[in-house]
Protein backbone atom coordinates (compact mmCIF):
# COMPACT_ATOMS: atom_id res chain seq x y z
CA MET A 1 13.95 -16.35 5.17
CA ASN A 2 12.08 -19.58 4.45
CA ASN A 3 8.83 -17.78 5.20
CA LEU A 4 9.42 -15.50 2.24
CA ASN A 5 10.07 -18.22 -0.37
CA LEU A 6 12.29 -15.80 -2.30
CA LYS A 7 13.67 -18.49 -4.57
CA LYS A 8 10.15 -19.60 -5.44
CA ARG A 9 9.17 -16.02 -6.25
CA ARG A 10 12.11 -15.63 -8.60
CA GLU A 11 11.40 -19.01 -10.16
CA LYS A 12 7.88 -17.84 -11.00
CA VAL A 13 9.28 -14.77 -12.75
CA LEU A 14 11.77 -16.89 -14.68
CA GLU A 15 8.97 -19.25 -15.74
CA TYR A 16 7.11 -16.24 -17.14
CA MET A 17 10.16 -15.08 -19.13
CA ASP A 18 10.89 -16.39 -22.61
CA ASP A 19 14.12 -18.23 -23.26
CA ASN A 20 17.14 -16.09 -24.24
CA SER A 21 15.97 -13.15 -22.18
CA ALA A 22 16.90 -11.08 -19.13
CA ALA A 23 14.89 -9.15 -16.55
CA VAL A 24 16.32 -6.10 -14.78
CA PHE A 25 14.99 -4.72 -11.48
CA PHE A 26 16.29 -1.60 -9.71
CA SER A 27 15.84 -0.99 -5.98
CA GLY A 28 15.63 2.78 -6.48
CA GLU A 29 17.69 5.74 -5.38
CA LEU A 30 17.71 8.38 -2.67
CA VAL A 31 15.68 11.46 -3.53
CA ARG A 32 17.02 14.76 -2.29
CA SER A 33 15.10 17.81 -1.19
CA GLU A 34 15.78 21.30 -2.46
CA ASN A 35 18.17 22.00 0.43
CA GLY A 36 20.20 18.84 -0.14
CA ASN A 37 18.72 16.60 2.55
CA ASP A 38 17.80 13.03 1.66
CA TYR A 39 14.17 11.97 1.90
CA GLU A 40 13.46 8.67 3.61
CA PHE A 41 14.29 5.92 1.11
CA GLU A 42 11.41 3.93 -0.37
CA VAL A 43 12.55 0.71 -2.00
CA ASN A 44 10.90 -0.43 -5.23
CA ARG A 45 8.41 -2.99 -4.00
CA ASP A 46 8.89 -5.44 -6.89
CA PHE A 47 12.62 -5.46 -6.25
CA TYR A 48 12.02 -5.98 -2.51
CA TYR A 49 9.50 -8.75 -3.20
CA LEU A 50 12.16 -10.69 -5.11
CA THR A 51 15.20 -9.95 -2.91
CA ASN A 52 14.21 -8.86 0.63
CA ILE A 53 16.81 -6.09 0.27
CA ASP A 54 15.80 -2.62 1.45
CA GLU A 55 18.70 -0.54 0.21
CA GLU A 56 19.20 2.02 -2.54
CA ASP A 57 21.27 1.63 -5.73
CA CYS A 58 20.92 -2.16 -6.02
CA VAL A 59 20.16 -4.09 -9.19
CA LEU A 60 18.75 -7.59 -9.67
CA ILE A 61 19.27 -9.34 -13.00
CA LEU A 62 17.56 -12.60 -13.87
CA THR A 63 18.70 -14.29 -17.07
CA LYS A 64 17.32 -17.29 -18.92
CA ASN A 65 19.64 -18.33 -21.70
CA ASP A 66 19.41 -21.67 -23.47
CA LYS A 67 17.08 -22.64 -20.61
CA LYS A 68 19.90 -22.05 -18.10
CA ILE A 69 19.12 -19.48 -15.43
CA LYS A 70 21.20 -16.98 -13.47
CA GLU A 71 20.28 -14.80 -10.53
CA GLN A 72 22.69 -11.91 -9.97
CA LEU A 73 22.53 -9.03 -7.54
CA PHE A 74 24.64 -5.86 -7.72
CA ILE A 75 25.04 -3.76 -4.56
CA PRO A 76 26.91 -0.56 -3.65
CA GLU A 77 30.22 -0.99 -1.86
CA ASN A 78 30.90 0.74 1.44
CA ASN A 79 33.23 3.71 1.36
CA GLU A 80 34.38 6.06 4.09
CA TYR A 81 32.39 9.05 2.82
CA SER A 82 29.00 7.35 2.39
CA SER A 83 29.38 5.44 5.66
CA LYS A 84 29.72 8.72 7.55
CA TRP A 85 26.85 10.48 5.81
CA THR A 86 24.22 7.83 5.13
CA GLY A 87 25.36 4.81 7.16
CA ILE A 88 27.15 1.51 6.58
CA LYS A 89 25.73 -0.48 3.70
CA LEU A 90 25.01 -4.18 3.69
CA SER A 91 27.97 -6.47 3.09
CA ILE A 92 27.97 -9.26 0.52
CA PRO A 93 27.51 -11.98 3.19
CA GLU A 94 24.58 -10.04 4.68
CA VAL A 95 22.95 -9.66 1.27
CA MET A 96 23.47 -13.35 0.54
CA ALA A 97 21.66 -14.26 3.76
CA LEU A 98 18.80 -11.81 3.26
CA SER A 99 18.20 -12.55 -0.43
CA ASP A 100 18.90 -16.29 -0.49
CA MET A 101 21.19 -15.64 -3.47
CA GLU A 102 24.80 -16.57 -4.11
CA ASP A 103 25.95 -14.39 -7.01
CA ILE A 104 26.43 -10.99 -5.39
CA PHE A 105 28.66 -8.34 -6.96
CA TYR A 106 29.53 -4.72 -6.31
CA LEU A 107 27.83 -2.05 -8.34
CA ASP A 108 30.97 -0.92 -10.16
CA GLU A 109 30.78 -4.20 -12.13
CA PHE A 110 27.21 -3.58 -13.28
CA GLU A 111 27.92 -1.33 -16.29
CA LYS A 112 30.43 -3.78 -17.73
CA TYR A 113 28.08 -6.69 -17.19
CA ILE A 114 25.01 -5.02 -18.71
CA ASN A 115 27.01 -4.01 -21.78
CA GLU A 116 28.19 -7.58 -22.23
CA LEU A 117 24.65 -8.81 -21.77
CA GLY A 118 23.27 -6.34 -24.30
CA ASN A 119 25.84 -7.38 -26.88
CA ASP A 120 25.26 -11.08 -26.33
CA GLU A 121 24.04 -12.34 -29.72
CA THR A 122 21.97 -15.09 -28.10
CA LEU A 123 19.95 -12.61 -26.02
CA GLU A 124 16.68 -11.55 -27.64
CA LYS A 125 14.56 -9.81 -24.97
CA ILE A 126 14.92 -7.62 -21.90
CA TYR A 127 12.14 -7.20 -19.35
CA PHE A 128 11.58 -4.23 -17.04
CA ALA A 129 8.93 -3.81 -14.34
CA LEU A 130 7.30 -0.53 -15.39
CA ASP A 131 4.48 0.89 -13.29
CA ASP A 132 2.08 3.03 -15.32
CA THR A 133 0.94 4.87 -12.16
CA ASN A 134 4.33 6.58 -11.84
CA THR A 135 5.49 8.09 -15.12
CA SER A 136 7.90 10.68 -13.73
CA GLU A 137 11.49 9.83 -14.65
CA ASN A 138 12.70 11.95 -11.72
CA TYR A 139 11.25 9.46 -9.24
CA ASN A 140 11.15 6.26 -11.30
CA LEU A 141 14.60 4.75 -11.81
CA ASN A 142 13.18 1.70 -13.59
CA LEU A 143 11.61 3.92 -16.23
CA ARG A 144 14.71 6.10 -16.63
CA MET A 145 17.03 3.11 -17.04
CA PHE A 146 14.57 1.45 -19.42
CA LYS A 147 14.65 4.50 -21.71
CA GLN A 148 18.46 4.67 -21.61
CA MET A 149 18.91 0.98 -22.41
CA TYR A 150 16.22 1.09 -25.08
CA LYS A 151 18.28 3.69 -26.96
CA VAL A 152 21.55 1.79 -26.60
CA PHE A 153 20.46 -1.80 -27.26
CA ASP A 154 18.37 -1.40 -30.39
CA ASN A 155 19.08 -5.02 -31.28
CA LEU A 156 16.90 -6.27 -28.42
CA GLU A 157 13.15 -6.43 -27.83
CA PHE A 158 11.93 -4.73 -24.65
CA TYR A 159 8.92 -5.92 -22.64
CA ASN A 160 7.12 -4.96 -19.45
CA ILE A 161 7.05 -7.75 -16.85
CA LYS A 162 4.93 -5.78 -14.37
CA ARG A 163 1.83 -7.88 -15.03
CA CYS A 164 3.68 -10.99 -13.87
CA LEU A 165 4.75 -9.28 -10.62
CA ASN A 166 1.25 -7.92 -10.03
CA GLU A 167 -0.28 -11.37 -10.33
CA LEU A 168 2.32 -12.91 -8.03
CA ARG A 169 1.79 -10.23 -5.39
CA GLU A 170 -2.02 -10.48 -5.48
CA VAL A 171 -2.13 -13.73 -3.50
CA LYS A 172 -0.61 -13.34 -0.05
CA SER A 173 1.26 -16.06 1.80
CA GLU A 174 0.67 -16.86 5.47
CA TYR A 175 3.75 -14.77 6.31
CA GLU A 176 2.44 -11.77 4.36
CA VAL A 177 -1.01 -11.98 5.94
CA ASP A 178 0.60 -12.22 9.38
CA CYS A 179 2.54 -8.99 8.74
CA ILE A 180 -0.65 -7.15 7.71
CA HIS A 181 -2.47 -8.53 10.75
CA LYS A 182 0.30 -7.31 13.06
CA GLY A 183 0.01 -3.87 11.52
CA ALA A 184 -3.75 -3.94 12.15
CA LYS A 185 -3.20 -4.81 15.82
CA ASN A 186 -0.80 -1.90 16.08
CA LEU A 187 -3.40 0.44 14.57
CA LYS A 188 -5.96 -0.65 17.15
CA ASN A 189 -3.70 0.69 19.91
CA ALA A 190 -2.92 3.86 17.95
CA ILE A 191 -6.57 4.63 17.17
CA ASN A 192 -7.68 3.95 20.74
CA MET A 193 -5.06 6.37 22.05
CA ALA A 194 -6.04 8.97 19.45
CA MET A 195 -9.67 8.76 20.55
CA LYS A 196 -8.70 9.14 24.19
CA ILE A 197 -6.76 12.37 23.66
CA THR A 198 -9.42 13.93 21.43
CA LYS A 199 -11.33 16.82 22.92
CA PRO A 200 -12.42 20.27 21.71
CA GLY A 201 -9.40 22.49 21.03
CA VAL A 202 -6.90 19.72 20.29
CA LYS A 203 -5.10 20.10 16.97
CA GLU A 204 -5.63 17.59 14.18
CA ALA A 205 -1.84 17.43 13.93
CA GLU A 206 -1.60 16.43 17.60
CA ILE A 207 -3.96 13.51 17.03
CA ALA A 208 -1.96 12.47 13.95
CA ALA A 209 1.28 12.70 15.93
CA THR A 210 -0.18 10.39 18.57
CA ILE A 211 -1.04 7.78 15.94
CA ASP A 212 2.42 8.10 14.38
CA TYR A 213 4.12 7.80 17.77
CA ILE A 214 2.30 4.61 18.74
CA THR A 215 2.96 3.12 15.31
CA ARG A 216 6.66 3.91 15.28
CA LYS A 217 7.07 2.96 18.94
CA ASN A 218 6.17 -0.60 18.01
CA GLY A 219 8.88 -0.66 15.37
CA ASP A 220 6.57 -0.22 12.41
CA THR A 221 6.73 2.28 9.57
CA LEU A 222 4.07 4.58 8.15
CA PRO A 223 3.01 3.50 4.65
CA PHE A 224 1.41 6.90 4.00
CA PRO A 225 0.97 10.21 5.85
CA THR A 226 -1.63 9.85 8.59
CA ILE A 227 -4.89 11.66 7.82
CA VAL A 228 -6.75 13.34 10.66
CA ALA A 229 -9.61 15.46 9.35
CA SER A 230 -12.29 17.09 11.47
CA GLY A 231 -15.57 18.69 10.50
CA LYS A 232 -15.71 19.89 6.90
CA ASN A 233 -12.06 18.90 6.39
CA ALA A 234 -13.20 15.26 6.41
CA THR A 235 -15.08 15.80 3.16
CA THR A 236 -11.68 16.09 1.43
CA LEU A 237 -10.57 12.51 0.82
CA HIS A 238 -6.82 12.96 1.22
CA TYR A 239 -6.77 15.97 3.54
CA ILE A 240 -3.27 16.22 4.99
CA LYS A 241 -2.89 19.79 6.26
CA GLY A 242 -3.84 18.95 9.86
CA LYS A 243 -3.66 22.59 10.97
CA ASP A 244 -7.11 23.03 12.48
CA LYS A 245 -8.31 22.46 16.02
CA VAL A 246 -11.14 19.98 16.44
CA LYS A 247 -14.45 21.51 17.52
CA ASP A 248 -17.18 20.45 19.88
CA GLY A 249 -19.99 18.81 17.89
CA ASP A 250 -17.79 17.81 14.95
CA LEU A 251 -16.67 14.36 13.83
CA VAL A 252 -13.06 13.30 13.34
CA LEU A 253 -12.08 11.01 10.46
CA LEU A 254 -8.85 9.02 10.82
CA ASP A 255 -7.17 7.25 7.91
CA CYS A 256 -3.94 5.64 9.07
CA GLY A 257 -1.54 2.87 8.15
CA SER A 258 1.00 0.63 9.82
CA ALA A 259 3.54 -1.41 7.85
CA VAL A 260 5.29 -4.49 9.24
CA ASN A 261 8.20 -5.64 7.05
CA LYS A 262 6.77 -3.31 4.37
CA TYR A 263 3.32 -4.96 4.44
CA SER A 264 0.63 -2.38 5.09
CA ALA A 265 -2.51 -2.38 7.16
CA ASP A 266 -4.80 0.51 6.19
CA VAL A 267 -7.68 1.51 8.49
CA SER A 268 -10.18 4.37 8.70
CA ARG A 269 -12.44 5.19 11.64
CA THR A 270 -14.74 8.12 12.42
CA TYR A 271 -15.83 9.32 15.87
CA PRO A 272 -17.28 12.42 17.60
CA VAL A 273 -14.96 15.02 19.12
CA ASN A 274 -17.01 15.24 22.31
CA GLY A 275 -17.65 11.50 22.52
CA LYS A 276 -21.33 11.70 21.56
CA PHE A 277 -22.87 11.45 18.07
CA THR A 278 -25.71 13.83 17.27
CA ASP A 279 -28.88 12.14 16.04
CA PHE A 280 -28.19 13.15 12.44
CA GLN A 281 -24.52 12.14 12.61
CA LYS A 282 -25.57 8.74 13.94
CA VAL A 283 -28.05 8.27 11.07
CA ILE A 284 -25.38 8.97 8.44
CA TYR A 285 -22.76 6.95 10.30
CA ASN A 286 -25.02 3.91 10.52
CA ILE A 287 -25.73 4.08 6.78
CA VAL A 288 -21.97 3.87 6.15
CA LEU A 289 -21.64 1.12 8.75
CA LYS A 290 -24.43 -0.87 7.06
CA ALA A 291 -22.57 -0.59 3.75
CA ASN A 292 -19.32 -1.63 5.41
CA LYS A 293 -20.86 -4.72 7.03
CA THR A 294 -22.84 -5.75 3.95
CA VAL A 295 -19.79 -5.56 1.69
CA ILE A 296 -17.78 -7.63 4.18
CA GLU A 297 -20.56 -10.24 4.23
CA ASN A 298 -20.37 -10.47 0.43
CA ALA A 299 -16.59 -10.37 0.00
CA LYS A 300 -15.62 -13.86 -1.19
CA GLU A 301 -14.01 -15.78 -4.02
CA GLY A 302 -15.51 -15.09 -7.44
CA VAL A 303 -16.87 -11.63 -6.58
CA THR A 304 -15.26 -8.56 -8.16
CA LEU A 305 -14.45 -5.28 -6.44
CA LYS A 306 -16.80 -3.55 -8.86
CA GLU A 307 -19.65 -5.78 -7.67
CA LEU A 308 -18.80 -4.89 -4.06
CA ASN A 309 -18.87 -1.21 -4.95
CA ASP A 310 -22.29 -1.66 -6.57
CA ILE A 311 -23.55 -3.02 -3.22
CA VAL A 312 -22.54 0.25 -1.57
CA ILE A 313 -24.33 2.32 -4.19
CA ASP A 314 -27.48 0.18 -3.85
CA ILE A 315 -27.53 0.71 -0.07
CA TYR A 316 -26.84 4.42 -0.37
CA GLU A 317 -29.57 4.87 -2.97
CA GLU A 318 -32.11 3.23 -0.67
CA GLU A 319 -31.03 4.84 2.60
CA LEU A 320 -30.35 8.36 1.32
CA LYS A 321 -33.77 8.43 -0.36
CA LYS A 322 -35.35 7.47 2.97
CA ILE A 323 -33.90 10.53 4.70
CA GLY A 324 -34.63 12.83 1.76
CA LEU A 325 -31.03 13.54 0.87
CA ILE A 326 -31.38 12.32 -2.74
CA GLU A 327 -34.15 11.58 -5.23
CA GLU A 328 -32.23 9.76 -7.99
CA ARG A 329 -29.52 7.07 -7.95
CA GLU A 330 -27.08 9.31 -9.81
CA GLU A 331 -27.11 11.73 -6.87
CA VAL A 332 -25.24 9.19 -4.74
CA ASN A 333 -22.11 10.44 -6.54
CA ASN A 334 -22.55 13.80 -4.80
CA TYR A 335 -21.91 12.17 -1.42
CA TYR A 336 -19.78 9.12 -2.26
CA TYR A 337 -16.95 9.86 -4.68
CA HIS A 338 -14.41 7.11 -4.28
CA PHE A 339 -14.25 3.31 -4.65
CA VAL A 340 -15.07 0.85 -1.88
CA SER A 341 -11.92 -1.23 -2.05
CA HIS A 342 -8.32 -1.71 -3.07
CA PHE A 343 -5.73 -4.42 -2.47
CA VAL A 344 -3.21 -4.01 0.35
CA GLY A 345 0.25 -5.55 0.65
CA LEU A 346 3.75 -4.26 0.02
CA ASN A 347 2.08 -1.10 -1.21
CA CYS A 348 -0.80 0.42 0.69
CA HIS A 349 -2.55 0.40 -2.70
CA ASP A 350 -1.29 -2.87 -4.14
CA PRO A 351 -1.94 -3.47 -7.86
CA PHE A 352 -5.48 -4.69 -8.56
CA ASP A 353 -8.13 -5.02 -11.27
CA LYS A 354 -11.62 -4.02 -10.13
CA ASP A 355 -13.18 -6.38 -12.71
CA LYS A 356 -11.12 -9.45 -11.77
CA PRO A 357 -12.82 -12.06 -9.53
CA LEU A 358 -11.37 -12.28 -6.03
CA LYS A 359 -9.56 -15.42 -4.95
CA ALA A 360 -8.26 -16.90 -1.72
CA GLY A 361 -5.19 -15.05 -0.48
CA ASN A 362 -6.28 -11.60 -1.66
CA VAL A 363 -6.27 -8.94 1.07
CA ILE A 364 -8.57 -6.03 0.34
CA THR A 365 -9.92 -2.95 2.07
CA VAL A 366 -13.62 -2.35 2.59
CA GLU A 367 -14.02 1.40 2.98
CA PRO A 368 -17.39 2.95 2.15
CA GLY A 369 -17.79 6.62 3.00
CA LEU A 370 -20.27 9.48 2.88
CA TYR A 371 -19.31 13.15 2.63
CA LEU A 372 -21.81 15.93 3.28
CA GLN A 373 -19.98 19.19 2.65
CA LYS A 374 -22.83 21.51 3.56
CA GLU A 375 -23.29 19.81 6.95
CA GLY A 376 -19.53 19.47 7.54
CA ILE A 377 -19.72 15.70 7.89
CA GLY A 378 -17.23 13.20 6.46
CA ILE A 379 -17.46 9.55 7.47
CA ARG A 380 -15.38 6.59 6.33
CA ILE A 381 -15.15 3.14 7.94
CA GLU A 382 -12.36 0.96 6.57
CA ASP A 383 -11.46 -2.64 7.38
CA ASN A 384 -8.89 -5.06 5.94
CA ILE A 385 -10.33 -8.35 4.72
CA LEU A 386 -8.53 -11.61 3.84
CA ILE A 387 -10.38 -13.65 1.21
CA THR A 388 -10.40 -17.37 2.03
CA LYS A 389 -11.81 -20.56 0.54
CA GLU A 390 -14.53 -20.44 3.19
CA GLY A 391 -15.38 -16.74 2.79
CA ASN A 392 -13.25 -14.10 4.48
CA ILE A 393 -11.52 -13.04 7.70
CA ASN A 394 -11.71 -9.48 8.98
CA LEU A 395 -8.14 -8.66 10.07
CA THR A 396 -9.31 -5.41 11.72
CA LYS A 397 -12.46 -6.65 13.46
CA ASN A 398 -11.10 -5.72 16.89
CA ILE A 399 -10.93 -2.02 16.07
CA MET A 400 -14.20 -0.60 17.38
CA LYS A 401 -16.73 0.83 14.93
CA GLU A 402 -20.18 0.49 16.55
CA THR A 403 -21.56 3.83 17.74
CA ASP A 404 -22.36 2.54 21.26
CA GLU A 405 -18.83 1.11 21.59
CA ILE A 406 -17.28 4.40 20.52
CA GLU A 407 -19.44 6.51 22.81
CA SER A 408 -18.85 4.22 25.78
CA TYR A 409 -15.09 4.25 25.21
CA MET A 410 -14.85 8.02 24.87
CA MET A 411 -17.06 9.02 27.77
């Protein structure tokens, strides 16, 4: 647990909080399908970042009162019914060891405690971690509980502490980078196997299943549904149907992830179904590859993601004019309609600001793409880059992306 520095993480949050305040973090809850089955649980990543607990119905409360601090964790208690249906829950000693916390209580004490806290005359503020990318109360327990408590405790001021968590999570520790790097190594094996089984007539879903199998075989989890898109399907950015069979002469675009201890690697590669690029496919592919390499060369401290994206547009403007695909810079948008980068970490898309200068410890994607719908060509090449004081390290450099490498491997 020393690798995680959980106490240090919580200390940083407490330093951010004003005196006479409390911060409340919920782990989340099981979501049920229409027929009553439970979906796979996804823990709230801010809660996990502060506790290392991956279990539903838990609550972390940090209080700072008269400059004295408390760290309290509420967990569900095992009962015979839930143990049979959803498994045995963590015990208090197990939670203490995982979270590096001492004050652990069962959930049935939470309501009494929060009422006492809300009625404490010395308490002035309550913080919640509210993510503005998920505004559905059905799937956002933090938001739902915030609204309930806001109505009840009208004597308190309510604030969002999400910015603090975002800033803390931006800079990755050696442990966090190692997890992402392990995921990247896993994806190398998965992508290589996917390329080997690809041939005309194979289903996109079969290729995706191969990637998922290799990933899960190594004990990792999938941070997002694997995308395998062939031909014209690859011009849809988040194509997930996977129903078609790949065809001779088409390209296959893979976008896949592997999470180790919740930390995600996120990689895209594109290759020909029959193992050989056509001349035109190779021209377009190498334009994307040039953008990918140039952005990686320029990814360093002080540069913003927006500036990296501008590099892609500059290259595309020049290269697409050369081959007669466009006449004006604005036309690049017809073939490139996403952003070149995002942060990766506990979320595949970790919080980030495209106008904020990069700093050492950031881990970003570099993923330029070109999408020619009329020609049925979609190409994306995505690497994961660690920003360092000296420049950067490509965590996915061993996953092949040169056309001659790909053709040699597939033949």
